[in-house]
Amino acid sequence: MKKIKKILIWLVSIILVILIAGAAYLHFSAYQPSSSANQAVHIAKQDNKEMVFKAKHSKLTVVFYPGALVAPNSYSIWAKKVAQAGYTVKISHFPL
């Protein structure tokens, strides 16, 4: 019984280490926005779920879903240009 308990504790410990290492890898491997993208973010309305670039006379709304491991702010330069063309742009925020 002691041997099974010892093996179980080691197995759970190894799984936890692997999960923590995987989470750290995902966190540090995400692509971060450039400095010009961070500057473009300041014209958007932001909350926890989305970033909105309003157009003066909006024809349509474009919703952009960022790719995995890419910070949503990275797309702000593109969103700013599309908003200047007359389309409201919303960039959603998702985990990962």
PDB file of N, CA and C in Angstrom:
ATOM      1  N   MET A   1       0.825  -1.205   0.000  1.00  0.00           N
ATOM      2  CA  MET A   1       0.000   0.000   0.000  1.00  0.00           C
ATOM      3  C   MET A   1       0.862   1.259   0.000  1.00  0.00           C
ATOM      4  N   LYS A   2       1.965   1.231   0.776  1.00  0.00           N
ATOM      5  CA  LYS A   2       2.838   2.399   0.827  1.00  0.00           C
ATOM      6  C   LYS A   2       3.468   2.673  -0.530  1.00  0.00           C
ATOM      7  N   LYS A   3       3.825   1.592  -1.237  1.00  0.00           N
ATOM      8  CA  LYS A   3       4.473   1.753  -2.529  1.00  0.00           C
ATOM      9  C   LYS A   3       3.515   2.387  -3.542  1.00  0.00           C
ATOM     10  N   ILE A   4       2.255   1.977  -3.539  1.00  0.00           N
ATOM     11  CA  ILE A   4       1.253   2.541  -4.448  1.00  0.00           C
ATOM     12  C   ILE A   4       1.028   4.019  -4.137  1.00  0.00           C
ATOM     13  N   LYS A   5       0.982   4.345  -2.859  1.00  0.00           N
ATOM     14  CA  LYS A   5       0.776   5.739  -2.458  1.00  0.00           C
ATOM     15  C   LYS A   5       1.964   6.601  -2.881  1.00  0.00           C
ATOM     16  N   LYS A   6       3.162   6.074  -2.747  1.00  0.00           N
ATOM     17  CA  LYS A   6       4.364   6.797  -3.140  1.00  0.00           C
ATOM     18  C   LYS A   6       4.393   7.032  -4.653  1.00  0.00           C
ATOM     19  N   ILE A   7       4.030   6.008  -5.419  1.00  0.00           N
ATOM     20  CA  ILE A   7       3.987   6.134  -6.879  1.00  0.00           C
ATOM     21  C   ILE A   7       2.927   7.147  -7.296  1.00  0.00           C
ATOM     22  N   LEU A   8       1.782   7.120  -6.643  1.00  0.00           N
ATOM     23  CA  LEU A   8       0.710   8.064  -6.949  1.00  0.00           C
ATOM     24  C   LEU A   8       1.132   9.503  -6.663  1.00  0.00           C
ATOM     25  N   ILE A   9       1.820   9.715  -5.555  1.00  0.00           N
ATOM     26  CA  ILE A   9       2.299  11.063  -5.220  1.00  0.00           C
ATOM     27  C   ILE A   9       3.307  11.534  -6.263  1.00  0.00           C
ATOM     28  N   TRP A  10       4.219  10.670  -6.681  1.00  0.00           N
ATOM     29  CA  TRP A  10       5.195  11.039  -7.708  1.00  0.00           C
ATOM     30  C   TRP A  10       4.507  11.331  -9.041  1.00  0.00           C
ATOM     31  N   LEU A  11       3.542  10.539  -9.389  1.00  0.00           N
ATOM     32  CA  LEU A  11       2.827  10.730 -10.645  1.00  0.00           C
ATOM     33  C   LEU A  11       2.074  12.058 -10.659  1.00  0.00           C
ATOM     34  N   VAL A  12       1.377  12.383  -9.577  1.00  0.00           N
ATOM     35  CA  VAL A  12       0.656  13.656  -9.476  1.00  0.00           C
ATOM     36  C   VAL A  12       1.644  14.820  -9.510  1.00  0.00           C
ATOM     37  N   SER A  13       2.778  14.685  -8.843  1.00  0.00           N
ATOM     38  CA  SER A  13       3.794  15.742  -8.839  1.00  0.00           C
ATOM     39  C   SER A  13       4.336  15.991 -10.234  1.00  0.00           C
ATOM     40  N   ILE A  14       4.621  14.927 -10.959  1.00  0.00           N
ATOM     41  CA  ILE A  14       5.143  15.066 -12.323  1.00  0.00           C
ATOM     42  C   ILE A  14       4.110  15.727 -13.233  1.00  0.00           C
ATOM     43  N   ILE A  15       2.862  15.335 -13.106  1.00  0.00           N
ATOM     44  CA  ILE A  15       1.799  15.937 -13.917  1.00  0.00           C
ATOM     45  C   ILE A  15       1.668  17.425 -13.597  1.00  0.00           C
ATOM     46  N   LEU A  16       1.726  17.799 -12.335  1.00  0.00           N
ATOM     47  CA  LEU A  16       1.644  19.217 -11.964  1.00  0.00           C
ATOM     48  C   LEU A  16       2.813  20.011 -12.531  1.00  0.00           C
ATOM     49  N   VAL A  17       4.005  19.465 -12.472  1.00  0.00           N
ATOM     50  CA  VAL A  17       5.180  20.154 -13.023  1.00  0.00           C
ATOM     51  C   VAL A  17       5.022  20.353 -14.526  1.00  0.00           C
ATOM     52  N   ILE A  18       4.533  19.336 -15.217  1.00  0.00           N
ATOM     53  CA  ILE A  18       4.320  19.443 -16.664  1.00  0.00           C
ATOM     54  C   ILE A  18       3.263  20.498 -16.979  1.00  0.00           C
ATOM     55  N   LEU A  19       2.182  20.534 -16.224  1.00  0.00           N
ATOM     56  CA  LEU A  19       1.130  21.538 -16.448  1.00  0.00           C
ATOM     57  C   LEU A  19       1.635  22.950 -16.190  1.00  0.00           C
ATOM     58  N   ILE A  20       2.389  23.144 -15.130  1.00  0.00           N
ATOM     59  CA  ILE A  20       2.929  24.472 -14.817  1.00  0.00           C
ATOM     60  C   ILE A  20       3.930  24.911 -15.879  1.00  0.00           C
ATOM     61  N   ALA A  21       4.785  23.985 -16.319  1.00  0.00           N
ATOM     62  CA  ALA A  21       5.754  24.313 -17.369  1.00  0.00           C
ATOM     63  C   ALA A  21       5.038  24.659 -18.679  1.00  0.00           C
ATOM     64  N   GLY A  22       3.981  23.933 -19.011  1.00  0.00           N
ATOM     65  CA  GLY A  22       3.216  24.221 -20.224  1.00  0.00           C
ATOM     66  C   GLY A  22       2.541  25.577 -20.167  1.00  0.00           C
ATOM     67  N   ALA A  23       1.973  25.914 -19.018  1.00  0.00           N
ATOM     68  CA  ALA A  23       1.336  27.225 -18.861  1.00  0.00           C
ATOM     69  C   ALA A  23       2.358  28.345 -18.967  1.00  0.00           C
ATOM     70  N   ALA A  24       3.526  28.147 -18.378  1.00  0.00           N
ATOM     71  CA  ALA A  24       4.583  29.161 -18.466  1.00  0.00           C
ATOM     72  C   ALA A  24       5.053  29.327 -19.903  1.00  0.00           C
ATOM     73  N   TYR A  25       5.196  28.229 -20.617  1.00  0.00           N
ATOM     74  CA  TYR A  25       5.607  28.296 -22.019  1.00  0.00           C
ATOM     75  C   TYR A  25       4.583  29.068 -22.851  1.00  0.00           C
ATOM     76  N   LEU A  26       3.317  28.774 -22.681  1.00  0.00           N
ATOM     77  CA  LEU A  26       2.285  29.483 -23.432  1.00  0.00           C
ATOM     78  C   LEU A  26       2.272  30.969 -23.105  1.00  0.00           C
ATOM     79  N   HIS A  27       2.464  31.291 -21.841  1.00  0.00           N
ATOM     80  CA  HIS A  27       2.445  32.694 -21.424  1.00  0.00           C
ATOM     81  C   HIS A  27       3.614  33.466 -22.037  1.00  0.00           C
ATOM     82  N   PHE A  28       4.792  32.894 -22.028  1.00  0.00           N
ATOM     83  CA  PHE A  28       5.971  33.620 -22.495  1.00  0.00           C
ATOM     84  C   PHE A  28       6.214  33.506 -23.998  1.00  0.00           C
ATOM     85  N   SER A  29       5.503  32.628 -24.689  1.00  0.00           N
ATOM     86  CA  SER A  29       5.706  32.503 -26.131  1.00  0.00           C
ATOM     87  C   SER A  29       4.687  33.309 -26.936  1.00  0.00           C
ATOM     88  N   ALA A  30       3.780  34.006 -26.286  1.00  0.00           N
ATOM     89  CA  ALA A  30       2.781  34.816 -26.995  1.00  0.00           C
ATOM     90  C   ALA A  30       3.453  36.006 -27.666  1.00  0.00           C
ATOM     91  N   TYR A  31       3.013  36.312 -28.863  1.00  0.00           N
ATOM     92  CA  TYR A  31       3.544  37.450 -29.608  1.00  0.00           C
ATOM     93  C   TYR A  31       2.985  38.745 -29.017  1.00  0.00           C
ATOM     94  N   GLN A  32       3.879  39.683 -28.753  1.00  0.00           N
ATOM     95  CA  GLN A  32       3.497  40.953 -28.156  1.00  0.00           C
ATOM     96  C   GLN A  32       3.392  42.029 -29.234  1.00  0.00           C
ATOM     97  N   PRO A  33       2.569  43.055 -29.014  1.00  0.00           N
ATOM     98  CA  PRO A  33       2.410  44.115 -30.017  1.00  0.00           C
ATOM     99  C   PRO A  33       3.652  44.996 -30.116  1.00  0.00           C
ATOM    100  N   SER A  34       3.842  45.586 -31.289  1.00  0.00           N
ATOM    101  CA  SER A  34       4.948  46.517 -31.487  1.00  0.00           C
ATOM    102  C   SER A  34       4.633  47.839 -30.792  1.00  0.00           C
ATOM    103  N   SER A  35       5.609  48.712 -30.731  1.00  0.00           N
ATOM    104  CA  SER A  35       5.388  50.005 -30.069  1.00  0.00           C
ATOM    105  C   SER A  35       4.370  50.852 -30.839  1.00  0.00           C
ATOM    106  N   SER A  36       4.386  50.777 -32.170  1.00  0.00           N
ATOM    107  CA  SER A  36       3.401  51.538 -32.948  1.00  0.00           C
ATOM    108  C   SER A  36       1.996  50.966 -32.763  1.00  0.00           C
ATOM    109  N   ALA A  37       1.891  49.660 -32.566  1.00  0.00           N
ATOM    110  CA  ALA A  37       0.578  49.053 -32.303  1.00  0.00           C
ATOM    111  C   ALA A  37       0.074  49.481 -30.929  1.00  0.00           C
ATOM    112  N   ASN A  38       0.969  49.568 -29.955  1.00  0.00           N
ATOM    113  CA  ASN A  38       0.570  50.034 -28.621  1.00  0.00           C
ATOM    114  C   ASN A  38       0.109  51.485 -28.652  1.00  0.00           C
ATOM    115  N   GLN A  39       0.689  52.299 -29.528  1.00  0.00           N
ATOM    116  CA  GLN A  39       0.261  53.698 -29.655  1.00  0.00           C
ATOM    117  C   GLN A  39      -1.107  53.789 -30.323  1.00  0.00           C
ATOM    118  N   ALA A  40      -1.372  52.927 -31.290  1.00  0.00           N
ATOM    119  CA  ALA A  40      -2.660  52.945 -31.989  1.00  0.00           C
ATOM    120  C   ALA A  40      -3.800  52.513 -31.083  1.00  0.00           C
ATOM    121  N   VAL A  41      -3.502  51.771 -30.048  1.00  0.00           N
ATOM    122  CA  VAL A  41      -4.531  51.284 -29.118  1.00  0.00           C
ATOM    123  C   VAL A  41      -5.188  52.436 -28.370  1.00  0.00           C
ATOM    124  N   HIS A  42      -4.472  53.524 -28.188  1.00  0.00           N
ATOM    125  CA  HIS A  42      -4.981  54.624 -27.362  1.00  0.00           C
ATOM    126  C   HIS A  42      -6.207  55.311 -27.944  1.00  0.00           C
ATOM    127  N   ILE A  43      -6.482  55.142 -29.229  1.00  0.00           N
ATOM    128  CA  ILE A  43      -7.668  55.779 -29.811  1.00  0.00           C
ATOM    129  C   ILE A  43      -8.900  54.888 -29.704  1.00  0.00           C
ATOM    130  N   ALA A  44      -8.711  53.651 -29.253  1.00  0.00           N
ATOM    131  CA  ALA A  44      -9.828  52.703 -29.158  1.00  0.00           C
ATOM    132  C   ALA A  44     -10.482  52.758 -27.789  1.00  0.00           C
ATOM    133  N   LYS A  45     -11.770  52.406 -27.775  1.00  0.00           N
ATOM    134  CA  LYS A  45     -12.474  52.212 -26.506  1.00  0.00           C
ATOM    135  C   LYS A  45     -12.200  50.774 -26.088  1.00  0.00           C
ATOM    136  N   GLN A  46     -11.763  50.583 -24.848  1.00  0.00           N
ATOM    137  CA  GLN A  46     -11.396  49.250 -24.394  1.00  0.00           C
ATOM    138  C   GLN A  46     -12.155  48.828 -23.160  1.00  0.00           C
ATOM    139  N   ASP A  47     -12.453  47.549 -23.087  1.00  0.00           N
ATOM    140  CA  ASP A  47     -12.897  46.929 -21.854  1.00  0.00           C
ATOM    141  C   ASP A  47     -12.254  45.539 -21.812  1.00  0.00           C
ATOM    142  N   ASN A  48     -12.671  44.701 -20.914  1.00  0.00           N
ATOM    143  CA  ASN A  48     -12.026  43.393 -20.760  1.00  0.00           C
ATOM    144  C   ASN A  48     -12.324  42.423 -21.898  1.00  0.00           C
ATOM    145  N   LYS A  49     -13.415  42.653 -22.622  1.00  0.00           N
ATOM    146  CA  LYS A  49     -13.824  41.683 -23.631  1.00  0.00           C
ATOM    147  C   LYS A  49     -13.527  42.107 -25.060  1.00  0.00           C
ATOM    148  N   GLU A  50     -13.406  43.409 -25.317  1.00  0.00           N
ATOM    149  CA  GLU A  50     -13.158  43.845 -26.687  1.00  0.00           C
ATOM    150  C   GLU A  50     -12.556  45.236 -26.737  1.00  0.00           C
ATOM    151  N   MET A  51     -12.018  45.551 -27.906  1.00  0.00           N
ATOM    152  CA  MET A  51     -11.465  46.853 -28.206  1.00  0.00           C
ATOM    153  C   MET A  51     -12.243  47.365 -29.421  1.00  0.00           C
ATOM    154  N   VAL A  52     -12.716  48.616 -29.380  1.00  0.00           N
ATOM    155  CA  VAL A  52     -13.553  49.138 -30.463  1.00  0.00           C
ATOM    156  C   VAL A  52     -12.898  50.365 -31.071  1.00  0.00           C
ATOM    157  N   PHE A  53     -12.699  50.310 -32.394  1.00  0.00           N
ATOM    158  CA  PHE A  53     -12.220  51.455 -33.168  1.00  0.00           C
ATOM    159  C   PHE A  53     -13.424  51.981 -33.935  1.00  0.00           C
ATOM    160  N   LYS A  54     -13.937  53.130 -33.514  1.00  0.00           N
ATOM    161  CA  LYS A  54     -15.144  53.700 -34.122  1.00  0.00           C
ATOM    162  C   LYS A  54     -14.798  54.469 -35.394  1.00  0.00           C
ATOM    163  N   ALA A  55     -15.667  54.342 -36.388  1.00  0.00           N
ATOM    164  CA  ALA A  55     -15.563  55.128 -37.608  1.00  0.00           C
ATOM    165  C   ALA A  55     -16.554  56.286 -37.510  1.00  0.00           C
ATOM    166  N   LYS A  56     -16.267  57.385 -38.205  1.00  0.00           N
ATOM    167  CA  LYS A  56     -17.161  58.550 -38.141  1.00  0.00           C
ATOM    168  C   LYS A  56     -18.537  58.203 -38.695  1.00  0.00           C
ATOM    169  N   HIS A  57     -18.573  57.689 -39.883  1.00  0.00           N
ATOM    170  CA  HIS A  57     -19.843  57.286 -40.505  1.00  0.00           C
ATOM    171  C   HIS A  57     -19.712  55.809 -40.850  1.00  0.00           C
ATOM    172  N   SER A  58     -20.044  54.986 -39.897  1.00  0.00           N
ATOM    173  CA  SER A  58     -19.814  53.552 -40.036  1.00  0.00           C
ATOM    174  C   SER A  58     -20.765  52.916 -41.046  1.00  0.00           C
ATOM    175  N   LYS A  59     -20.198  52.219 -42.010  1.00  0.00           N
ATOM    176  CA  LYS A  59     -20.976  51.482 -42.996  1.00  0.00           C
ATOM    177  C   LYS A  59     -21.335  50.109 -42.429  1.00  0.00           C
ATOM    178  N   LEU A  60     -20.353  49.446 -41.894  1.00  0.00           N
ATOM    179  CA  LEU A  60     -20.509  48.119 -41.321  1.00  0.00           C
ATOM    180  C   LEU A  60     -19.580  47.996 -40.118  1.00  0.00           C
ATOM    181  N   THR A  61     -19.741  46.923 -39.384  1.00  0.00           N
ATOM    182  CA  THR A  61     -18.827  46.629 -38.282  1.00  0.00           C
ATOM    183  C   THR A  61     -18.058  45.364 -38.634  1.00  0.00           C
ATOM    184  N   VAL A  62     -16.750  45.439 -38.504  1.00  0.00           N
ATOM    185  CA  VAL A  62     -15.877  44.302 -38.753  1.00  0.00           C
ATOM    186  C   VAL A  62     -15.449  43.764 -37.397  1.00  0.00           C
ATOM    187  N   VAL A  63     -15.695  42.485 -37.158  1.00  0.00           N
ATOM    188  CA  VAL A  63     -15.285  41.857 -35.903  1.00  0.00           C
ATOM    189  C   VAL A  63     -14.069  41.001 -36.199  1.00  0.00           C
ATOM    190  N   PHE A  64     -13.016  41.228 -35.442  1.00  0.00           N
ATOM    191  CA  PHE A  64     -11.782  40.505 -35.671  1.00  0.00           C
ATOM    192  C   PHE A  64     -11.482  39.608 -34.480  1.00  0.00           C
ATOM    193  N   TYR A  65     -11.262  38.334 -34.750  1.00  0.00           N
ATOM    194  CA  TYR A  65     -10.902  37.359 -33.729  1.00  0.00           C
ATOM    195  C   TYR A  65      -9.397  37.111 -33.822  1.00  0.00           C
ATOM    196  N   PRO A  66      -8.624  37.556 -32.833  1.00  0.00           N
ATOM    197  CA  PRO A  66      -7.170  37.385 -32.896  1.00  0.00           C
ATOM    198  C   PRO A  66      -6.765  35.914 -32.893  1.00  0.00           C
ATOM    199  N   GLY A  67      -5.613  35.658 -33.484  1.00  0.00           N
ATOM    200  CA  GLY A  67      -5.084  34.301 -33.517  1.00  0.00           C
ATOM    201  C   GLY A  67      -4.571  33.861 -32.155  1.00  0.00           C
ATOM    202  N   ALA A  68      -4.364  32.580 -32.012  1.00  0.00           N
ATOM    203  CA  ALA A  68      -3.859  32.036 -30.751  1.00  0.00           C
ATOM    204  C   ALA A  68      -2.435  32.540 -30.513  1.00  0.00           C
ATOM    205  N   LEU A  69      -2.139  32.830 -29.281  1.00  0.00           N
ATOM    206  CA  LEU A  69      -0.826  33.284 -28.832  1.00  0.00           C
ATOM    207  C   LEU A  69      -0.407  34.630 -29.428  1.00  0.00           C
ATOM    208  N   VAL A  70      -1.375  35.428 -29.866  1.00  0.00           N
ATOM    209  CA  VAL A  70      -1.095  36.776 -30.359  1.00  0.00           C
ATOM    210  C   VAL A  70      -1.924  37.748 -29.533  1.00  0.00           C
ATOM    211  N   ALA A  71      -1.264  38.750 -28.966  1.00  0.00           N
ATOM    212  CA  ALA A  71      -1.966  39.746 -28.160  1.00  0.00           C
ATOM    213  C   ALA A  71      -2.933  40.529 -29.048  1.00  0.00           C
ATOM    214  N   PRO A  72      -4.162  40.763 -28.593  1.00  0.00           N
ATOM    215  CA  PRO A  72      -5.134  41.498 -29.414  1.00  0.00           C
ATOM    216  C   PRO A  72      -4.657  42.895 -29.818  1.00  0.00           C
ATOM    217  N   ASN A  73      -3.849  43.521 -28.995  1.00  0.00           N
ATOM    218  CA  ASN A  73      -3.339  44.861 -29.328  1.00  0.00           C
ATOM    219  C   ASN A  73      -2.456  44.839 -30.570  1.00  0.00           C
ATOM    220  N   SER A  74      -1.941  43.686 -30.950  1.00  0.00           N
ATOM    221  CA  SER A  74      -1.080  43.585 -32.127  1.00  0.00           C
ATOM    222  C   SER A  74      -1.819  43.946 -33.412  1.00  0.00           C
ATOM    223  N   TYR A  75      -3.122  43.828 -33.406  1.00  0.00           N
ATOM    224  CA  TYR A  75      -3.920  44.109 -34.594  1.00  0.00           C
ATOM    225  C   TYR A  75      -4.446  45.540 -34.632  1.00  0.00           C
ATOM    226  N   SER A  76      -4.025  46.379 -33.715  1.00  0.00           N
ATOM    227  CA  SER A  76      -4.585  47.729 -33.617  1.00  0.00           C
ATOM    228  C   SER A  76      -4.203  48.624 -34.797  1.00  0.00           C
ATOM    229  N   ILE A  77      -3.045  48.432 -35.388  1.00  0.00           N
ATOM    230  CA  ILE A  77      -2.664  49.241 -36.554  1.00  0.00           C
ATOM    231  C   ILE A  77      -3.618  48.953 -37.714  1.00  0.00           C
ATOM    232  N   TRP A  78      -3.860  47.665 -37.944  1.00  0.00           N
ATOM    233  CA  TRP A  78      -4.793  47.262 -38.996  1.00  0.00           C
ATOM    234  C   TRP A  78      -6.192  47.800 -38.709  1.00  0.00           C
ATOM    235  N   ALA A  79      -6.628  47.688 -37.462  1.00  0.00           N
ATOM    236  CA  ALA A  79      -7.972  48.129 -37.084  1.00  0.00           C
ATOM    237  C   ALA A  79      -8.118  49.638 -37.260  1.00  0.00           C
ATOM    238  N   LYS A  80      -7.084  50.383 -36.938  1.00  0.00           N
ATOM    239  CA  LYS A  80      -7.118  51.844 -37.085  1.00  0.00           C
ATOM    240  C   LYS A  80      -7.279  52.232 -38.559  1.00  0.00           C
ATOM    241  N   LYS A  81      -6.569  51.552 -39.439  1.00  0.00           N
ATOM    242  CA  LYS A  81      -6.668  51.853 -40.872  1.00  0.00           C
ATOM    243  C   LYS A  81      -8.045  51.498 -41.426  1.00  0.00           C
ATOM    244  N   VAL A  82      -8.602  50.404 -40.985  1.00  0.00           N
ATOM    245  CA  VAL A  82      -9.933  50.012 -41.451  1.00  0.00           C
ATOM    246  C   VAL A  82     -10.979  50.991 -40.924  1.00  0.00           C
ATOM    247  N   ALA A  83     -10.813  51.464 -39.685  1.00  0.00           N
ATOM    248  CA  ALA A  83     -11.740  52.451 -39.119  1.00  0.00           C
ATOM    249  C   ALA A  83     -11.657  53.770 -39.876  1.00  0.00           C
ATOM    250  N   GLN A  84     -10.465  54.143 -40.315  1.00  0.00           N
ATOM    251  CA  GLN A  84     -10.307  55.368 -41.104  1.00  0.00           C
ATOM    252  C   GLN A  84     -10.978  55.231 -42.471  1.00  0.00           C
ATOM    253  N   ALA A  85     -11.119  54.000 -42.944  1.00  0.00           N
ATOM    254  CA  ALA A  85     -11.785  53.750 -44.227  1.00  0.00           C
ATOM    255  C   ALA A  85     -13.309  53.762 -44.088  1.00  0.00           C
ATOM    256  N   GLY A  86     -13.831  53.881 -42.848  1.00  0.00           N
ATOM    257  CA  GLY A  86     -15.265  54.015 -42.665  1.00  0.00           C
ATOM    258  C   GLY A  86     -15.964  52.820 -42.045  1.00  0.00           C
ATOM    259  N   TYR A  87     -15.214  51.889 -41.539  1.00  0.00           N
ATOM    260  CA  TYR A  87     -15.800  50.703 -40.922  1.00  0.00           C
ATOM    261  C   TYR A  87     -15.438  50.652 -39.439  1.00  0.00           C
ATOM    262  N   THR A  88     -16.404  50.427 -38.589  1.00  0.00           N
ATOM    263  CA  THR A  88     -16.125  50.240 -37.172  1.00  0.00           C
ATOM    264  C   THR A  88     -15.499  48.859 -37.000  1.00  0.00           C
ATOM    265  N   VAL A  89     -14.456  48.787 -36.185  1.00  0.00           N
ATOM    266  CA  VAL A  89     -13.740  47.524 -35.986  1.00  0.00           C
ATOM    267  C   VAL A  89     -13.790  47.145 -34.514  1.00  0.00           C
ATOM    268  N   LYS A  90     -14.135  45.894 -34.242  1.00  0.00           N
ATOM    269  CA  LYS A  90     -14.107  45.358 -32.888  1.00  0.00           C
ATOM    270  C   LYS A  90     -13.109  44.208 -32.857  1.00  0.00           C
ATOM    271  N   ILE A  91     -12.184  44.275 -31.907  1.00  0.00           N
ATOM    272  CA  ILE A  91     -11.218  43.196 -31.708  1.00  0.00           C
ATOM    273  C   ILE A  91     -11.563  42.517 -30.400  1.00  0.00           C
ATOM    274  N   SER A  92     -11.921  41.258 -30.476  1.00  0.00           N
ATOM    275  CA  SER A  92     -12.319  40.507 -29.283  1.00  0.00           C
ATOM    276  C   SER A  92     -11.097  40.054 -28.494  1.00  0.00           C
ATOM    277  N   HIS A  93     -11.259  39.943 -27.187  1.00  0.00           N
ATOM    278  CA  HIS A  93     -10.208  39.444 -26.313  1.00  0.00           C
ATOM    279  C   HIS A  93     -10.598  38.055 -25.831  1.00  0.00           C
ATOM    280  N   PHE A  94      -9.730  37.086 -26.078  1.00  0.00           N
ATOM    281  CA  PHE A  94      -9.959  35.715 -25.650  1.00  0.00           C
ATOM    282  C   PHE A  94      -8.749  35.238 -24.866  1.00  0.00           C
ATOM    283  N   PRO A  95      -8.941  34.281 -23.977  1.00  0.00           N
ATOM    284  CA  PRO A  95      -7.770  33.715 -23.312  1.00  0.00           C
ATOM    285  C   PRO A  95      -6.909  32.961 -24.327  1.00  0.00           C
ATOM    286  N   LEU A  96      -5.618  33.003 -24.147  1.00  0.00           N
ATOM    287  CA  LEU A  96      -4.644  32.392 -25.047  1.00  0.00           C
ATOM    288  C   LEU A  96      -4.668  33.045 -26.401  1.00  0.00           C
TER     289      LEU A  96
END
